[in-house]
Every structure is written in C-alpha cells, then in structure tokens.
Amino acid sequence: DRVVQDEHLMDLFEIPPSMRAAVSGSWEARQPDLIARFDLLFDGREPAKLLEYNADTPTLLIESSLAQAQWKNDRQGQGLKFADNAQDDMARYSQFNALDDALLNAWPEF
C-alpha cells in the first residue's frame, strides 16, 4: 500500500511515471496476480536450492503449467526414489497447484 501512495517509492521500484496511475488503480482494486514461480533444484538428497524467482515473464505460464505437467506425465509409473530409498508411486504426485487446470478456469476473469 505504501508504494502506490509514495512517489519516492514508485521511483525506487522503477515504476515509470506513465504507468503509475494504472499500477495504483490495479493495486487499489486488488486485481488478481497472474502468476509467480520459484525455480528450485532438488536432487532428493540435499536440501532444495533456490535457482531463481520468476513473476509474470513471457514464458512463465508455459514453463510452469505445460512443461511441469509433461514432466510428471513422462515419469508416471516409473516411481519416485527418495533419499531414504523408499519407492513411491508417481501417480500420487501432481503439480502443487494444478496450474494448467486453474489457468483454464480463471482465464475468463482476465
């Protein structure tokens, strides 16, 4: 709330003057965010490592929904080996947020 009410903070966040009214209006209307994603590296043995954070970039939706769903489908039935060598059925796992389905359902709002 403070950023959209403070020109100095708008400068600090590098929001162009020509976009400030739109940014403020969107923030005050509480319009929904489209998406953001943390890219993690996890080998099943060591703690996960953050590679990068992506928010509203052009390829984000494709990478986050279609590619992750395809990765899961490609590995379904192969089993998932954890650090303790326990086997688990990949069919139990899905994208945390079912992004591909959620996008289809939410798209009319945008």
N, C-alpha and C. Protein backbone atom coordinates (compact mmCIF):
# COMPACT_ATOMS: atom_id res chain seq x y z
N ASP A 1 0.82 -1.19 0.00
CA ASP A 1 0.00 0.00 0.00
C ASP A 1 0.87 1.26 0.00
N ARG A 2 1.97 1.20 0.72
CA ARG A 2 2.82 2.39 0.84
C ARG A 2 3.43 2.79 -0.51
N VAL A 3 3.81 1.81 -1.31
CA VAL A 3 4.50 2.12 -2.56
C VAL A 3 3.60 2.91 -3.50
N VAL A 4 2.35 2.49 -3.66
CA VAL A 4 1.48 3.17 -4.61
C VAL A 4 1.03 4.55 -4.12
N GLN A 5 1.32 4.86 -2.88
CA GLN A 5 0.95 6.17 -2.33
C GLN A 5 2.14 7.10 -2.17
N ASP A 6 3.32 6.67 -2.60
CA ASP A 6 4.54 7.43 -2.36
C ASP A 6 5.37 7.52 -3.65
N GLU A 7 5.50 8.71 -4.20
CA GLU A 7 6.24 8.91 -5.45
C GLU A 7 7.70 8.47 -5.33
N HIS A 8 8.30 8.73 -4.16
CA HIS A 8 9.69 8.31 -3.96
C HIS A 8 9.81 6.79 -4.06
N LEU A 9 8.89 6.07 -3.44
CA LEU A 9 8.92 4.61 -3.52
C LEU A 9 8.62 4.12 -4.94
N MET A 10 7.74 4.81 -5.64
CA MET A 10 7.49 4.45 -7.04
C MET A 10 8.79 4.60 -7.85
N ASP A 11 9.55 5.65 -7.56
CA ASP A 11 10.85 5.83 -8.21
C ASP A 11 11.80 4.69 -7.84
N LEU A 12 11.84 4.35 -6.56
CA LEU A 12 12.72 3.30 -6.08
C LEU A 12 12.41 1.95 -6.74
N PHE A 13 11.14 1.66 -6.96
CA PHE A 13 10.72 0.43 -7.62
C PHE A 13 10.76 0.54 -9.15
N GLU A 14 11.23 1.69 -9.63
CA GLU A 14 11.39 1.95 -11.07
C GLU A 14 10.09 1.76 -11.85
N ILE A 15 9.00 2.21 -11.27
CA ILE A 15 7.71 2.18 -11.97
C ILE A 15 7.64 3.45 -12.81
N PRO A 16 7.56 3.33 -14.13
CA PRO A 16 7.57 4.51 -15.00
C PRO A 16 6.41 5.45 -14.68
N PRO A 17 6.65 6.75 -14.73
CA PRO A 17 5.58 7.71 -14.44
C PRO A 17 4.34 7.48 -15.30
N SER A 18 4.52 7.05 -16.53
CA SER A 18 3.37 6.83 -17.41
C SER A 18 2.52 5.63 -16.98
N MET A 19 3.04 4.76 -16.12
CA MET A 19 2.32 3.56 -15.69
C MET A 19 1.81 3.65 -14.25
N ARG A 20 2.15 4.70 -13.55
CA ARG A 20 1.84 4.77 -12.12
C ARG A 20 0.35 4.80 -11.82
N ALA A 21 -0.42 5.49 -12.61
CA ALA A 21 -1.87 5.52 -12.37
C ALA A 21 -2.46 4.12 -12.57
N ALA A 22 -2.00 3.42 -13.60
CA ALA A 22 -2.50 2.06 -13.85
C ALA A 22 -2.08 1.11 -12.74
N VAL A 23 -0.83 1.21 -12.29
CA VAL A 23 -0.35 0.35 -11.21
C VAL A 23 -1.13 0.64 -9.92
N SER A 24 -1.29 1.90 -9.59
CA SER A 24 -2.04 2.27 -8.39
C SER A 24 -3.49 1.80 -8.47
N GLY A 25 -4.11 2.01 -9.61
CA GLY A 25 -5.50 1.59 -9.77
C GLY A 25 -5.66 0.09 -9.65
N SER A 26 -4.75 -0.66 -10.25
CA SER A 26 -4.79 -2.12 -10.17
C SER A 26 -4.59 -2.59 -8.73
N TRP A 27 -3.62 -1.97 -8.04
CA TRP A 27 -3.34 -2.34 -6.65
C TRP A 27 -4.54 -2.04 -5.76
N GLU A 28 -5.08 -0.87 -5.89
CA GLU A 28 -6.21 -0.47 -5.03
C GLU A 28 -7.47 -1.29 -5.32
N ALA A 29 -7.64 -1.74 -6.57
CA ALA A 29 -8.78 -2.59 -6.92
C ALA A 29 -8.56 -4.04 -6.51
N ARG A 30 -7.32 -4.32 -6.04
CA ARG A 30 -6.95 -5.69 -5.64
C ARG A 30 -7.17 -6.69 -6.77
N GLN A 31 -6.79 -6.28 -7.98
CA GLN A 31 -6.89 -7.19 -9.12
C GLN A 31 -5.97 -8.38 -8.88
N PRO A 32 -6.39 -9.56 -9.32
CA PRO A 32 -5.59 -10.75 -9.03
C PRO A 32 -4.26 -10.75 -9.78
N ASP A 33 -3.24 -11.31 -9.13
CA ASP A 33 -1.97 -11.53 -9.80
C ASP A 33 -2.14 -12.70 -10.75
N LEU A 34 -1.38 -12.70 -11.81
CA LEU A 34 -1.45 -13.80 -12.74
C LEU A 34 -0.66 -15.00 -12.24
N ILE A 35 0.63 -14.81 -11.94
CA ILE A 35 1.44 -15.95 -11.51
C ILE A 35 2.83 -15.51 -11.08
N ALA A 36 3.43 -16.30 -10.25
CA ALA A 36 4.85 -16.17 -9.92
C ALA A 36 5.33 -17.58 -9.58
N ARG A 37 6.63 -17.79 -9.74
CA ARG A 37 7.15 -19.14 -9.52
C ARG A 37 8.57 -19.09 -8.96
N PHE A 38 8.84 -20.00 -8.01
CA PHE A 38 10.19 -20.23 -7.52
C PHE A 38 10.75 -21.43 -8.28
N ASP A 39 11.92 -21.29 -8.89
CA ASP A 39 12.60 -22.41 -9.54
C ASP A 39 13.57 -23.00 -8.53
N LEU A 40 13.36 -24.27 -8.21
CA LEU A 40 14.19 -24.96 -7.22
C LEU A 40 14.95 -26.10 -7.86
N LEU A 41 16.10 -26.41 -7.32
CA LEU A 41 16.88 -27.57 -7.70
C LEU A 41 16.86 -28.53 -6.52
N PHE A 42 16.40 -29.76 -6.75
CA PHE A 42 16.30 -30.75 -5.68
C PHE A 42 16.73 -32.09 -6.23
N ASP A 43 17.75 -32.69 -5.61
CA ASP A 43 18.26 -33.98 -6.06
C ASP A 43 17.77 -35.14 -5.21
N GLY A 44 16.93 -34.90 -4.23
CA GLY A 44 16.41 -35.96 -3.38
C GLY A 44 17.31 -36.29 -2.21
N ARG A 45 18.51 -35.71 -2.19
CA ARG A 45 19.44 -35.99 -1.10
C ARG A 45 19.75 -34.75 -0.28
N GLU A 46 20.08 -33.68 -0.96
CA GLU A 46 20.43 -32.42 -0.29
C GLU A 46 19.19 -31.55 -0.19
N PRO A 47 19.20 -30.53 0.69
CA PRO A 47 18.07 -29.59 0.72
C PRO A 47 17.90 -28.89 -0.63
N ALA A 48 16.69 -28.54 -0.96
CA ALA A 48 16.42 -27.84 -2.22
C ALA A 48 17.15 -26.50 -2.23
N LYS A 49 17.57 -26.09 -3.43
CA LYS A 49 18.25 -24.80 -3.61
C LYS A 49 17.42 -23.93 -4.53
N LEU A 50 17.28 -22.67 -4.17
CA LEU A 50 16.56 -21.71 -5.00
C LEU A 50 17.46 -21.27 -6.15
N LEU A 51 16.98 -21.48 -7.38
CA LEU A 51 17.72 -21.04 -8.56
C LEU A 51 17.34 -19.63 -8.96
N GLU A 52 16.01 -19.37 -9.01
CA GLU A 52 15.54 -18.04 -9.37
C GLU A 52 14.06 -17.92 -9.04
N TYR A 53 13.59 -16.70 -9.04
CA TYR A 53 12.18 -16.37 -8.84
C TYR A 53 11.70 -15.69 -10.10
N ASN A 54 10.60 -16.18 -10.67
CA ASN A 54 10.02 -15.61 -11.89
C ASN A 54 8.63 -15.10 -11.59
N ALA A 55 8.31 -13.94 -12.10
CA ALA A 55 6.97 -13.39 -11.94
C ALA A 55 6.54 -12.71 -13.23
N ASP A 56 5.44 -13.18 -13.77
CA ASP A 56 4.82 -12.57 -14.95
C ASP A 56 5.80 -12.36 -16.10
N THR A 57 6.65 -13.34 -16.37
CA THR A 57 7.53 -13.27 -17.53
C THR A 57 6.86 -14.00 -18.70
N PRO A 58 7.24 -13.69 -19.93
CA PRO A 58 6.53 -14.25 -21.08
C PRO A 58 6.45 -15.77 -21.13
N THR A 59 7.49 -16.47 -20.70
CA THR A 59 7.48 -17.94 -20.80
C THR A 59 7.01 -18.62 -19.52
N LEU A 60 6.72 -17.85 -18.50
CA LEU A 60 6.41 -18.42 -17.19
C LEU A 60 5.23 -19.38 -17.21
N LEU A 61 4.15 -19.01 -17.86
CA LEU A 61 2.97 -19.87 -17.86
C LEU A 61 3.23 -21.19 -18.56
N ILE A 62 3.93 -21.14 -19.69
CA ILE A 62 4.23 -22.38 -20.42
C ILE A 62 5.13 -23.27 -19.58
N GLU A 63 6.19 -22.69 -19.04
CA GLU A 63 7.11 -23.48 -18.22
C GLU A 63 6.43 -24.05 -16.99
N SER A 64 5.60 -23.25 -16.35
CA SER A 64 5.00 -23.66 -15.09
C SER A 64 3.86 -24.64 -15.25
N SER A 65 3.11 -24.54 -16.31
CA SER A 65 1.95 -25.42 -16.44
C SER A 65 2.22 -26.59 -17.37
N LEU A 66 2.45 -26.32 -18.61
CA LEU A 66 2.58 -27.40 -19.60
C LEU A 66 3.84 -28.23 -19.39
N ALA A 67 4.98 -27.58 -19.20
CA ALA A 67 6.23 -28.33 -19.06
C ALA A 67 6.24 -29.17 -17.79
N GLN A 68 5.76 -28.61 -16.68
CA GLN A 68 5.73 -29.39 -15.44
C GLN A 68 4.76 -30.56 -15.55
N ALA A 69 3.62 -30.33 -16.16
CA ALA A 69 2.65 -31.41 -16.32
C ALA A 69 3.22 -32.50 -17.22
N GLN A 70 3.91 -32.11 -18.28
CA GLN A 70 4.51 -33.10 -19.18
C GLN A 70 5.61 -33.88 -18.46
N TRP A 71 6.43 -33.20 -17.67
CA TRP A 71 7.48 -33.88 -16.91
C TRP A 71 6.87 -34.93 -16.00
N LYS A 72 5.81 -34.56 -15.30
CA LYS A 72 5.14 -35.51 -14.41
C LYS A 72 4.59 -36.69 -15.20
N ASN A 73 3.92 -36.41 -16.30
CA ASN A 73 3.33 -37.49 -17.11
C ASN A 73 4.40 -38.41 -17.68
N ASP A 74 5.54 -37.85 -18.09
CA ASP A 74 6.62 -38.67 -18.63
C ASP A 74 7.17 -39.65 -17.60
N ARG A 75 7.14 -39.27 -16.35
CA ARG A 75 7.70 -40.10 -15.29
C ARG A 75 6.67 -40.94 -14.54
N GLN A 76 5.43 -40.75 -14.88
CA GLN A 76 4.38 -41.51 -14.20
C GLN A 76 4.60 -43.00 -14.42
N GLY A 77 4.50 -43.76 -13.37
CA GLY A 77 4.70 -45.19 -13.47
C GLY A 77 6.14 -45.63 -13.25
N GLN A 78 7.09 -44.69 -13.32
CA GLN A 78 8.49 -45.04 -13.10
C GLN A 78 8.82 -45.12 -11.61
N GLY A 79 7.98 -44.53 -10.78
CA GLY A 79 8.26 -44.48 -9.34
C GLY A 79 9.18 -43.32 -9.03
N LEU A 80 9.19 -42.92 -7.80
CA LEU A 80 10.00 -41.80 -7.35
C LEU A 80 10.85 -42.28 -6.19
N LYS A 81 12.16 -42.17 -6.32
CA LYS A 81 13.05 -42.65 -5.28
C LYS A 81 13.46 -41.49 -4.39
N PHE A 82 13.22 -41.65 -3.10
CA PHE A 82 13.56 -40.63 -2.13
C PHE A 82 14.92 -40.92 -1.52
N ALA A 83 15.44 -39.98 -0.75
CA ALA A 83 16.76 -40.12 -0.14
C ALA A 83 16.85 -41.37 0.74
N ASP A 84 15.74 -41.78 1.34
CA ASP A 84 15.77 -42.97 2.21
C ASP A 84 15.56 -44.25 1.41
N ASN A 85 15.63 -44.16 0.07
CA ASN A 85 15.49 -45.28 -0.85
C ASN A 85 14.08 -45.86 -0.88
N ALA A 86 13.13 -45.22 -0.27
CA ALA A 86 11.74 -45.68 -0.33
C ALA A 86 11.20 -45.39 -1.73
N GLN A 87 10.41 -46.26 -2.25
CA GLN A 87 9.77 -46.06 -3.55
C GLN A 87 8.36 -45.55 -3.33
N ASP A 88 7.91 -44.67 -4.16
CA ASP A 88 6.55 -44.18 -4.09
C ASP A 88 6.01 -44.07 -5.50
N ASP A 89 4.73 -44.19 -5.66
CA ASP A 89 4.10 -44.17 -6.97
C ASP A 89 3.95 -42.74 -7.46
N MET A 90 4.52 -42.43 -8.62
CA MET A 90 4.47 -41.08 -9.19
C MET A 90 3.03 -40.64 -9.45
N ALA A 91 2.11 -41.58 -9.63
CA ALA A 91 0.71 -41.22 -9.90
C ALA A 91 0.10 -40.44 -8.74
N ARG A 92 0.63 -40.59 -7.55
CA ARG A 92 0.12 -39.83 -6.40
C ARG A 92 0.49 -38.37 -6.47
N TYR A 93 1.50 -38.04 -7.26
CA TYR A 93 2.01 -36.68 -7.29
C TYR A 93 1.46 -35.91 -8.47
N SER A 94 1.26 -34.64 -8.27
CA SER A 94 0.82 -33.77 -9.33
C SER A 94 1.47 -32.42 -9.09
N GLN A 95 1.22 -31.49 -9.97
CA GLN A 95 1.69 -30.14 -9.71
C GLN A 95 1.02 -29.66 -8.43
N PHE A 96 1.76 -28.97 -7.62
CA PHE A 96 1.26 -28.49 -6.33
C PHE A 96 -0.05 -27.72 -6.50
N ASN A 97 -0.14 -26.93 -7.55
CA ASN A 97 -1.28 -26.04 -7.70
C ASN A 97 -2.17 -26.36 -8.89
N ALA A 98 -1.97 -27.51 -9.56
CA ALA A 98 -2.76 -27.87 -10.74
C ALA A 98 -2.90 -26.65 -11.67
N LEU A 99 -1.78 -26.03 -11.96
CA LEU A 99 -1.75 -24.76 -12.66
C LEU A 99 -2.47 -24.79 -14.00
N ASP A 100 -2.25 -25.86 -14.76
CA ASP A 100 -2.87 -25.91 -16.09
C ASP A 100 -4.39 -25.84 -15.99
N ASP A 101 -4.99 -26.57 -15.07
CA ASP A 101 -6.45 -26.53 -14.89
C ASP A 101 -6.90 -25.19 -14.30
N ALA A 102 -6.14 -24.68 -13.34
CA ALA A 102 -6.50 -23.41 -12.71
C ALA A 102 -6.50 -22.27 -13.72
N LEU A 103 -5.53 -22.27 -14.64
CA LEU A 103 -5.48 -21.21 -15.66
C LEU A 103 -6.70 -21.26 -16.57
N LEU A 104 -7.05 -22.45 -16.98
CA LEU A 104 -8.23 -22.58 -17.85
C LEU A 104 -9.49 -22.08 -17.15
N ASN A 105 -9.63 -22.39 -15.87
CA ASN A 105 -10.82 -21.97 -15.13
C ASN A 105 -10.82 -20.48 -14.81
N ALA A 106 -9.66 -19.89 -14.58
CA ALA A 106 -9.59 -18.50 -14.17
C ALA A 106 -9.50 -17.52 -15.34
N TRP A 107 -9.14 -18.01 -16.52
CA TRP A 107 -8.85 -17.12 -17.63
C TRP A 107 -9.99 -16.14 -17.95
N PRO A 108 -11.27 -16.53 -17.90
CA PRO A 108 -12.33 -15.57 -18.21
C PRO A 108 -12.30 -14.31 -17.33
N GLU A 109 -11.75 -14.39 -16.12
CA GLU A 109 -11.68 -13.21 -15.25
C GLU A 109 -10.69 -12.18 -15.77
N PHE A 110 -9.70 -12.64 -16.52
CA PHE A 110 -8.68 -11.72 -17.03
C PHE A 110 -9.13 -11.15 -18.36
